[in-house]
Amino acid sequence: MTQLALGETAEFDKIYEQYKTAPEVTKRRLYYETMEQILGKVDKTIVESGAVTPYLPLPEMQRRNSGESNSVTVTGKKQ
């Protein structure tokens, strides 16, 4: 086996041990980590509030407002 395969196997075994003790927490953590890897490269901001997930084009708003304040305040229901 290569070093890469051994490392991946060890990582899987470590995650599996965590999964056995707390399956829901581990599933949620893996989901969040995956979404962070995927969406971390996207220049869009999604803000969740209630049952609706609105899209805010913050990079576009910042480009349009160059020279002005680039801050945006979002309010919504707390869950």
PDB file of N, CA and C in Angstrom:
ATOM      1  N   MET A   1       0.831  -1.188   0.000  1.00  0.00           N
ATOM      2  CA  MET A   1       0.000   0.000   0.000  1.00  0.00           C
ATOM      3  C   MET A   1       0.875   1.252   0.000  1.00  0.00           C
ATOM      4  N   THR A   2       0.349   2.283  -0.615  1.00  0.00           N
ATOM      5  CA  THR A   2       1.097   3.537  -0.629  1.00  0.00           C
ATOM      6  C   THR A   2       0.854   4.302   0.663  1.00  0.00           C
ATOM      7  N   GLN A   3       1.683   5.291   0.892  1.00  0.00           N
ATOM      8  CA  GLN A   3       1.537   6.128   2.083  1.00  0.00           C
ATOM      9  C   GLN A   3       0.193   6.864   2.062  1.00  0.00           C
ATOM     10  N   LEU A   4      -0.218   7.304   0.868  1.00  0.00           N
ATOM     11  CA  LEU A   4      -1.497   8.011   0.743  1.00  0.00           C
ATOM     12  C   LEU A   4      -2.646   7.100   1.164  1.00  0.00           C
ATOM     13  N   ALA A   5      -2.646   5.868   0.687  1.00  0.00           N
ATOM     14  CA  ALA A   5      -3.708   4.917   1.036  1.00  0.00           C
ATOM     15  C   ALA A   5      -3.716   4.632   2.531  1.00  0.00           C
ATOM     16  N   LEU A   6      -2.553   4.483   3.121  1.00  0.00           N
ATOM     17  CA  LEU A   6      -2.474   4.238   4.562  1.00  0.00           C
ATOM     18  C   LEU A   6      -3.009   5.432   5.354  1.00  0.00           C
ATOM     19  N   GLY A   7      -2.670   6.638   4.893  1.00  0.00           N
ATOM     20  CA  GLY A   7      -3.152   7.849   5.561  1.00  0.00           C
ATOM     21  C   GLY A   7      -4.658   7.983   5.460  1.00  0.00           C
ATOM     22  N   GLU A   8      -5.209   7.692   4.283  1.00  0.00           N
ATOM     23  CA  GLU A   8      -6.657   7.775   4.101  1.00  0.00           C
ATOM     24  C   GLU A   8      -7.377   6.724   4.933  1.00  0.00           C
ATOM     25  N   THR A   9      -6.808   5.540   5.030  1.00  0.00           N
ATOM     26  CA  THR A   9      -7.396   4.480   5.841  1.00  0.00           C
ATOM     27  C   THR A   9      -7.402   4.881   7.316  1.00  0.00           C
ATOM     28  N   ALA A  10      -6.316   5.435   7.785  1.00  0.00           N
ATOM     29  CA  ALA A  10      -6.235   5.878   9.187  1.00  0.00           C
ATOM     30  C   ALA A  10      -7.250   6.984   9.459  1.00  0.00           C
ATOM     31  N   GLU A  11      -7.402   7.915   8.515  1.00  0.00           N
ATOM     32  CA  GLU A  11      -8.383   9.001   8.669  1.00  0.00           C
ATOM     33  C   GLU A  11      -9.811   8.436   8.727  1.00  0.00           C
ATOM     34  N   PHE A  12     -10.105   7.495   7.847  1.00  0.00           N
ATOM     35  CA  PHE A  12     -11.429   6.859   7.848  1.00  0.00           C
ATOM     36  C   PHE A  12     -11.690   6.164   9.180  1.00  0.00           C
ATOM     37  N   ASP A  13     -10.715   5.401   9.663  1.00  0.00           N
ATOM     38  CA  ASP A  13     -10.879   4.691  10.939  1.00  0.00           C
ATOM     39  C   ASP A  13     -11.150   5.672  12.079  1.00  0.00           C
ATOM     40  N   LYS A  14     -10.462   6.803  12.066  1.00  0.00           N
ATOM     41  CA  LYS A  14     -10.642   7.820  13.106  1.00  0.00           C
ATOM     42  C   LYS A  14     -12.059   8.394  13.062  1.00  0.00           C
ATOM     43  N   ILE A  15     -12.534   8.716  11.862  1.00  0.00           N
ATOM     44  CA  ILE A  15     -13.892   9.264  11.707  1.00  0.00           C
ATOM     45  C   ILE A  15     -14.928   8.204  12.076  1.00  0.00           C
ATOM     46  N   TYR A  16     -14.688   6.968  11.708  1.00  0.00           N
ATOM     47  CA  TYR A  16     -15.633   5.896  12.018  1.00  0.00           C
ATOM     48  C   TYR A  16     -15.774   5.703  13.534  1.00  0.00           C
ATOM     49  N   GLU A  17     -14.685   5.811  14.265  1.00  0.00           N
ATOM     50  CA  GLU A  17     -14.749   5.705  15.730  1.00  0.00           C
ATOM     51  C   GLU A  17     -15.617   6.818  16.299  1.00  0.00           C
ATOM     52  N   GLN A  18     -15.462   8.034  15.764  1.00  0.00           N
ATOM     53  CA  GLN A  18     -16.289   9.158  16.209  1.00  0.00           C
ATOM     54  C   GLN A  18     -17.750   8.910  15.852  1.00  0.00           C
ATOM     55  N   TYR A  19     -17.980   8.367  14.669  1.00  0.00           N
ATOM     56  CA  TYR A  19     -19.343   8.087  14.204  1.00  0.00           C
ATOM     57  C   TYR A  19     -20.036   7.076  15.111  1.00  0.00           C
ATOM     58  N   LYS A  20     -19.306   6.053  15.542  1.00  0.00           N
ATOM     59  CA  LYS A  20     -19.909   5.032  16.398  1.00  0.00           C
ATOM     60  C   LYS A  20     -20.384   5.618  17.723  1.00  0.00           C
ATOM     61  N   THR A  21     -19.664   6.600  18.252  1.00  0.00           N
ATOM     62  CA  THR A  21     -20.047   7.173  19.542  1.00  0.00           C
ATOM     63  C   THR A  21     -21.111   8.264  19.416  1.00  0.00           C
ATOM     64  N   ALA A  22     -21.117   9.008  18.285  1.00  0.00           N
ATOM     65  CA  ALA A  22     -22.095  10.090  18.102  1.00  0.00           C
ATOM     66  C   ALA A  22     -22.421  10.237  16.617  1.00  0.00           C
ATOM     67  N   PRO A  23     -23.285   9.354  16.078  1.00  0.00           N
ATOM     68  CA  PRO A  23     -23.542   9.364  14.639  1.00  0.00           C
ATOM     69  C   PRO A  23     -24.113  10.675  14.097  1.00  0.00           C
ATOM     70  N   GLU A  24     -25.098  11.257  14.780  1.00  0.00           N
ATOM     71  CA  GLU A  24     -25.720  12.489  14.266  1.00  0.00           C
ATOM     72  C   GLU A  24     -24.743  13.657  14.265  1.00  0.00           C
ATOM     73  N   VAL A  25     -23.973  13.771  15.322  1.00  0.00           N
ATOM     74  CA  VAL A  25     -22.984  14.856  15.410  1.00  0.00           C
ATOM     75  C   VAL A  25     -21.927  14.693  14.323  1.00  0.00           C
ATOM     76  N   THR A  26     -21.476  13.482  14.112  1.00  0.00           N
ATOM     77  CA  THR A  26     -20.443  13.228  13.102  1.00  0.00           C
ATOM     78  C   THR A  26     -20.984  13.494  11.704  1.00  0.00           C
ATOM     79  N   LYS A  27     -22.213  13.068  11.422  1.00  0.00           N
ATOM     80  CA  LYS A  27     -22.807  13.335  10.105  1.00  0.00           C
ATOM     81  C   LYS A  27     -22.916  14.827   9.855  1.00  0.00           C
ATOM     82  N   ARG A  28     -23.386  15.555  10.853  1.00  0.00           N
ATOM     83  CA  ARG A  28     -23.535  17.001  10.711  1.00  0.00           C
ATOM     84  C   ARG A  28     -22.174  17.671  10.509  1.00  0.00           C
ATOM     85  N   ARG A  29     -21.165  17.249  11.266  1.00  0.00           N
ATOM     86  CA  ARG A  29     -19.825  17.834  11.127  1.00  0.00           C
ATOM     87  C   ARG A  29     -19.257  17.565   9.739  1.00  0.00           C
ATOM     88  N   LEU A  30     -19.412  16.331   9.249  1.00  0.00           N
ATOM     89  CA  LEU A  30     -18.921  16.000   7.910  1.00  0.00           C
ATOM     90  C   LEU A  30     -19.645  16.825   6.842  1.00  0.00           C
ATOM     91  N   TYR A  31     -20.953  17.016   7.021  1.00  0.00           N
ATOM     92  CA  TYR A  31     -21.726  17.833   6.083  1.00  0.00           C
ATOM     93  C   TYR A  31     -21.204  19.269   6.073  1.00  0.00           C
ATOM     94  N   TYR A  32     -21.043  19.867   7.257  1.00  0.00           N
ATOM     95  CA  TYR A  32     -20.567  21.244   7.333  1.00  0.00           C
ATOM     96  C   TYR A  32     -19.153  21.396   6.759  1.00  0.00           C
ATOM     97  N   GLU A  33     -18.284  20.449   7.057  1.00  0.00           N
ATOM     98  CA  GLU A  33     -16.925  20.515   6.520  1.00  0.00           C
ATOM     99  C   GLU A  33     -16.930  20.420   4.997  1.00  0.00           C
ATOM    100  N   THR A  34     -17.778  19.545   4.447  1.00  0.00           N
ATOM    101  CA  THR A  34     -17.864  19.403   2.994  1.00  0.00           C
ATOM    102  C   THR A  34     -18.407  20.681   2.363  1.00  0.00           C
ATOM    103  N   MET A  35     -19.469  21.244   2.936  1.00  0.00           N
ATOM    104  CA  MET A  35     -20.042  22.479   2.401  1.00  0.00           C
ATOM    105  C   MET A  35     -19.043  23.630   2.480  1.00  0.00           C
ATOM    106  N   GLU A  36     -18.261  23.661   3.560  1.00  0.00           N
ATOM    107  CA  GLU A  36     -17.244  24.706   3.700  1.00  0.00           C
ATOM    108  C   GLU A  36     -16.189  24.586   2.601  1.00  0.00           C
ATOM    109  N   GLN A  37     -15.783  23.352   2.278  1.00  0.00           N
ATOM    110  CA  GLN A  37     -14.804  23.152   1.211  1.00  0.00           C
ATOM    111  C   GLN A  37     -15.368  23.571  -0.137  1.00  0.00           C
ATOM    112  N   ILE A  38     -16.617  23.218  -0.398  1.00  0.00           N
ATOM    113  CA  ILE A  38     -17.233  23.504  -1.691  1.00  0.00           C
ATOM    114  C   ILE A  38     -17.592  24.979  -1.812  1.00  0.00           C
ATOM    115  N   LEU A  39     -18.322  25.496  -0.821  1.00  0.00           N
ATOM    116  CA  LEU A  39     -18.830  26.859  -0.905  1.00  0.00           C
ATOM    117  C   LEU A  39     -17.798  27.913  -0.513  1.00  0.00           C
ATOM    118  N   GLY A  40     -16.698  27.494   0.078  1.00  0.00           N
ATOM    119  CA  GLY A  40     -15.656  28.441   0.444  1.00  0.00           C
ATOM    120  C   GLY A  40     -15.018  29.119  -0.757  1.00  0.00           C
ATOM    121  N   LYS A  41     -15.170  28.525  -1.921  1.00  0.00           N
ATOM    122  CA  LYS A  41     -14.585  29.066  -3.143  1.00  0.00           C
ATOM    123  C   LYS A  41     -15.568  29.923  -3.934  1.00  0.00           C
ATOM    124  N   VAL A  42     -16.801  30.051  -3.439  1.00  0.00           N
ATOM    125  CA  VAL A  42     -17.853  30.778  -4.146  1.00  0.00           C
ATOM    126  C   VAL A  42     -17.960  32.185  -3.583  1.00  0.00           C
ATOM    127  N   ASP A  43     -18.171  33.172  -4.457  1.00  0.00           N
ATOM    128  CA  ASP A  43     -18.264  34.546  -3.969  1.00  0.00           C
ATOM    129  C   ASP A  43     -19.719  34.991  -3.791  1.00  0.00           C
ATOM    130  N   LYS A  44     -20.540  34.111  -3.267  1.00  0.00           N
ATOM    131  CA  LYS A  44     -21.928  34.416  -2.968  1.00  0.00           C
ATOM    132  C   LYS A  44     -22.137  34.207  -1.471  1.00  0.00           C
ATOM    133  N   THR A  45     -23.098  34.928  -0.916  1.00  0.00           N
ATOM    134  CA  THR A  45     -23.404  34.783   0.499  1.00  0.00           C
ATOM    135  C   THR A  45     -24.846  34.349   0.636  1.00  0.00           C
ATOM    136  N   ILE A  46     -25.089  33.298   1.370  1.00  0.00           N
ATOM    137  CA  ILE A  46     -26.436  32.790   1.601  1.00  0.00           C
ATOM    138  C   ILE A  46     -26.727  32.954   3.082  1.00  0.00           C
ATOM    139  N   VAL A  47     -27.842  33.609   3.377  1.00  0.00           N
ATOM    140  CA  VAL A  47     -28.236  33.841   4.758  1.00  0.00           C
ATOM    141  C   VAL A  47     -29.543  33.117   4.989  1.00  0.00           C
ATOM    142  N   GLU A  48     -29.578  32.230   5.966  1.00  0.00           N
ATOM    143  CA  GLU A  48     -30.786  31.468   6.252  1.00  0.00           C
ATOM    144  C   GLU A  48     -31.619  32.206   7.289  1.00  0.00           C
ATOM    145  N   SER A  49     -32.913  32.339   7.019  1.00  0.00           N
ATOM    146  CA  SER A  49     -33.825  32.914   8.004  1.00  0.00           C
ATOM    147  C   SER A  49     -35.178  32.226   7.850  1.00  0.00           C
ATOM    148  N   GLY A  50     -35.572  31.514   8.844  1.00  0.00           N
ATOM    149  CA  GLY A  50     -36.850  30.812   8.794  1.00  0.00           C
ATOM    150  C   GLY A  50     -36.852  29.720   7.746  1.00  0.00           C
ATOM    151  N   ALA A  51     -37.971  29.607   7.035  1.00  0.00           N
ATOM    152  CA  ALA A  51     -38.128  28.565   6.028  1.00  0.00           C
ATOM    153  C   ALA A  51     -37.600  28.997   4.665  1.00  0.00           C
ATOM    154  N   VAL A  52     -37.178  30.247   4.538  1.00  0.00           N
ATOM    155  CA  VAL A  52     -36.715  30.774   3.254  1.00  0.00           C
ATOM    156  C   VAL A  52     -35.221  31.031   3.334  1.00  0.00           C
ATOM    157  N   THR A  53     -34.503  30.695   2.275  1.00  0.00           N
ATOM    158  CA  THR A  53     -33.078  30.978   2.217  1.00  0.00           C
ATOM    159  C   THR A  53     -32.837  32.014   1.122  1.00  0.00           C
ATOM    160  N   PRO A  54     -32.771  33.303   1.487  1.00  0.00           N
ATOM    161  CA  PRO A  54     -32.567  34.331   0.467  1.00  0.00           C
ATOM    162  C   PRO A  54     -31.108  34.380   0.020  1.00  0.00           C
ATOM    163  N   TYR A  55     -30.909  34.792  -1.217  1.00  0.00           N
ATOM    164  CA  TYR A  55     -29.568  34.972  -1.768  1.00  0.00           C
ATOM    165  C   TYR A  55     -29.255  36.452  -1.765  1.00  0.00           C
ATOM    166  N   LEU A  56     -28.119  36.821  -1.223  1.00  0.00           N
ATOM    167  CA  LEU A  56     -27.690  38.211  -1.235  1.00  0.00           C
ATOM    168  C   LEU A  56     -26.467  38.341  -2.134  1.00  0.00           C
ATOM    169  N   PRO A  57     -26.547  39.130  -3.206  1.00  0.00           N
ATOM    170  CA  PRO A  57     -25.399  39.296  -4.105  1.00  0.00           C
ATOM    171  C   PRO A  57     -24.394  40.303  -3.536  1.00  0.00           C
ATOM    172  N   LEU A  58     -23.802  40.002  -2.382  1.00  0.00           N
ATOM    173  CA  LEU A  58     -22.919  40.948  -1.709  1.00  0.00           C
ATOM    174  C   LEU A  58     -21.729  41.389  -2.564  1.00  0.00           C
ATOM    175  N   PRO A  59     -21.031  40.489  -3.267  1.00  0.00           N
ATOM    176  CA  PRO A  59     -19.916  40.963  -4.097  1.00  0.00           C
ATOM    177  C   PRO A  59     -20.368  41.956  -5.170  1.00  0.00           C
ATOM    178  N   GLU A  60     -21.532  41.708  -5.762  1.00  0.00           N
ATOM    179  CA  GLU A  60     -22.048  42.631  -6.772  1.00  0.00           C
ATOM    180  C   GLU A  60     -22.399  43.964  -6.143  1.00  0.00           C
ATOM    181  N   MET A  61     -23.010  43.938  -4.959  1.00  0.00           N
ATOM    182  CA  MET A  61     -23.365  45.174  -4.270  1.00  0.00           C
ATOM    183  C   MET A  61     -22.112  45.952  -3.899  1.00  0.00           C
ATOM    184  N   GLN A  62     -21.064  45.248  -3.486  1.00  0.00           N
ATOM    185  CA  GLN A  62     -19.818  45.917  -3.123  1.00  0.00           C
ATOM    186  C   GLN A  62     -19.181  46.565  -4.342  1.00  0.00           C
ATOM    187  N   ARG A  63     -19.229  45.901  -5.494  1.00  0.00           N
ATOM    188  CA  ARG A  63     -18.659  46.487  -6.706  1.00  0.00           C
ATOM    189  C   ARG A  63     -19.432  47.737  -7.110  1.00  0.00           C
ATOM    190  N   ARG A  64     -20.754  47.690  -7.000  1.00  0.00           N
ATOM    191  CA  ARG A  64     -21.588  48.843  -7.366  1.00  0.00           C
ATOM    192  C   ARG A  64     -21.377  50.013  -6.419  1.00  0.00           C
ATOM    193  N   ASN A  65     -21.134  49.708  -5.162  1.00  0.00           N
ATOM    194  CA  ASN A  65     -21.009  50.752  -4.147  1.00  0.00           C
ATOM    195  C   ASN A  65     -19.566  51.108  -3.836  1.00  0.00           C
ATOM    196  N   SER A  66     -18.650  50.808  -4.741  1.00  0.00           N
ATOM    197  CA  SER A  66     -17.242  51.104  -4.448  1.00  0.00           C
ATOM    198  C   SER A  66     -17.109  52.590  -4.141  1.00  0.00           C
ATOM    199  N   GLY A  67     -16.421  52.848  -3.081  1.00  0.00           N
ATOM    200  CA  GLY A  67     -16.293  54.217  -2.619  1.00  0.00           C
ATOM    201  C   GLY A  67     -17.232  54.494  -1.462  1.00  0.00           C
ATOM    202  N   GLU A  68     -18.332  53.778  -1.380  1.00  0.00           N
ATOM    203  CA  GLU A  68     -19.266  53.917  -0.274  1.00  0.00           C
ATOM    204  C   GLU A  68     -19.004  52.808   0.730  1.00  0.00           C
ATOM    205  N   SER A  69     -19.712  52.815   1.806  1.00  0.00           N
ATOM    206  CA  SER A  69     -19.581  51.763   2.803  1.00  0.00           C
ATOM    207  C   SER A  69     -20.040  50.441   2.197  1.00  0.00           C
ATOM    208  N   ASN A  70     -19.275  49.393   2.412  1.00  0.00           N
ATOM    209  CA  ASN A  70     -19.601  48.085   1.854  1.00  0.00           C
ATOM    210  C   ASN A  70     -20.255  47.157   2.869  1.00  0.00           C
ATOM    211  N   SER A  71     -20.753  47.703   3.957  1.00  0.00           N
ATOM    212  CA  SER A  71     -21.351  46.819   4.954  1.00  0.00           C
ATOM    213  C   SER A  71     -22.827  46.625   4.667  1.00  0.00           C
ATOM    214  N   VAL A  72     -23.309  45.446   4.975  1.00  0.00           N
ATOM    215  CA  VAL A  72     -24.710  45.097   4.789  1.00  0.00           C
ATOM    216  C   VAL A  72     -25.197  44.484   6.081  1.00  0.00           C
ATOM    217  N   THR A  73     -26.350  44.911   6.557  1.00  0.00           N
ATOM    218  CA  THR A  73     -26.932  44.358   7.767  1.00  0.00           C
ATOM    219  C   THR A  73     -28.119  43.500   7.384  1.00  0.00           C
ATOM    220  N   VAL A  74     -28.146  42.273   7.890  1.00  0.00           N
ATOM    221  CA  VAL A  74     -29.223  41.342   7.592  1.00  0.00           C
ATOM    222  C   VAL A  74     -29.878  40.966   8.905  1.00  0.00           C
ATOM    223  N   THR A  75     -31.189  41.088   8.935  1.00  0.00           N
ATOM    224  CA  THR A  75     -31.911  40.668  10.140  1.00  0.00           C
ATOM    225  C   THR A  75     -32.911  39.596   9.742  1.00  0.00           C
ATOM    226  N   GLY A  76     -33.249  38.759  10.653  1.00  0.00           N
ATOM    227  CA  GLY A  76     -34.211  37.694  10.384  1.00  0.00           C
ATOM    228  C   GLY A  76     -34.602  37.034  11.678  1.00  0.00           C
ATOM    229  N   LYS A  77     -35.479  36.062  11.550  1.00  0.00           N
ATOM    230  CA  LYS A  77     -35.919  35.329  12.722  1.00  0.00           C
ATOM    231  C   LYS A  77     -34.783  34.506  13.280  1.00  0.00           C
ATOM    232  N   LYS A  78     -34.709  34.440  14.589  1.00  0.00           N
ATOM    233  CA  LYS A  78     -33.760  33.525  15.227  1.00  0.00           C
ATOM    234  C   LYS A  78     -34.409  32.166  15.316  1.00  0.00           C
ATOM    235  N   GLN A  79     -33.634  31.134  15.076  1.00  0.00           N
ATOM    236  CA  GLN A  79     -34.189  29.785  15.150  1.00  0.00           C
ATOM    237  C   GLN A  79     -33.929  29.166  16.483  1.00  0.00           C
TER     238      GLN A  79
END
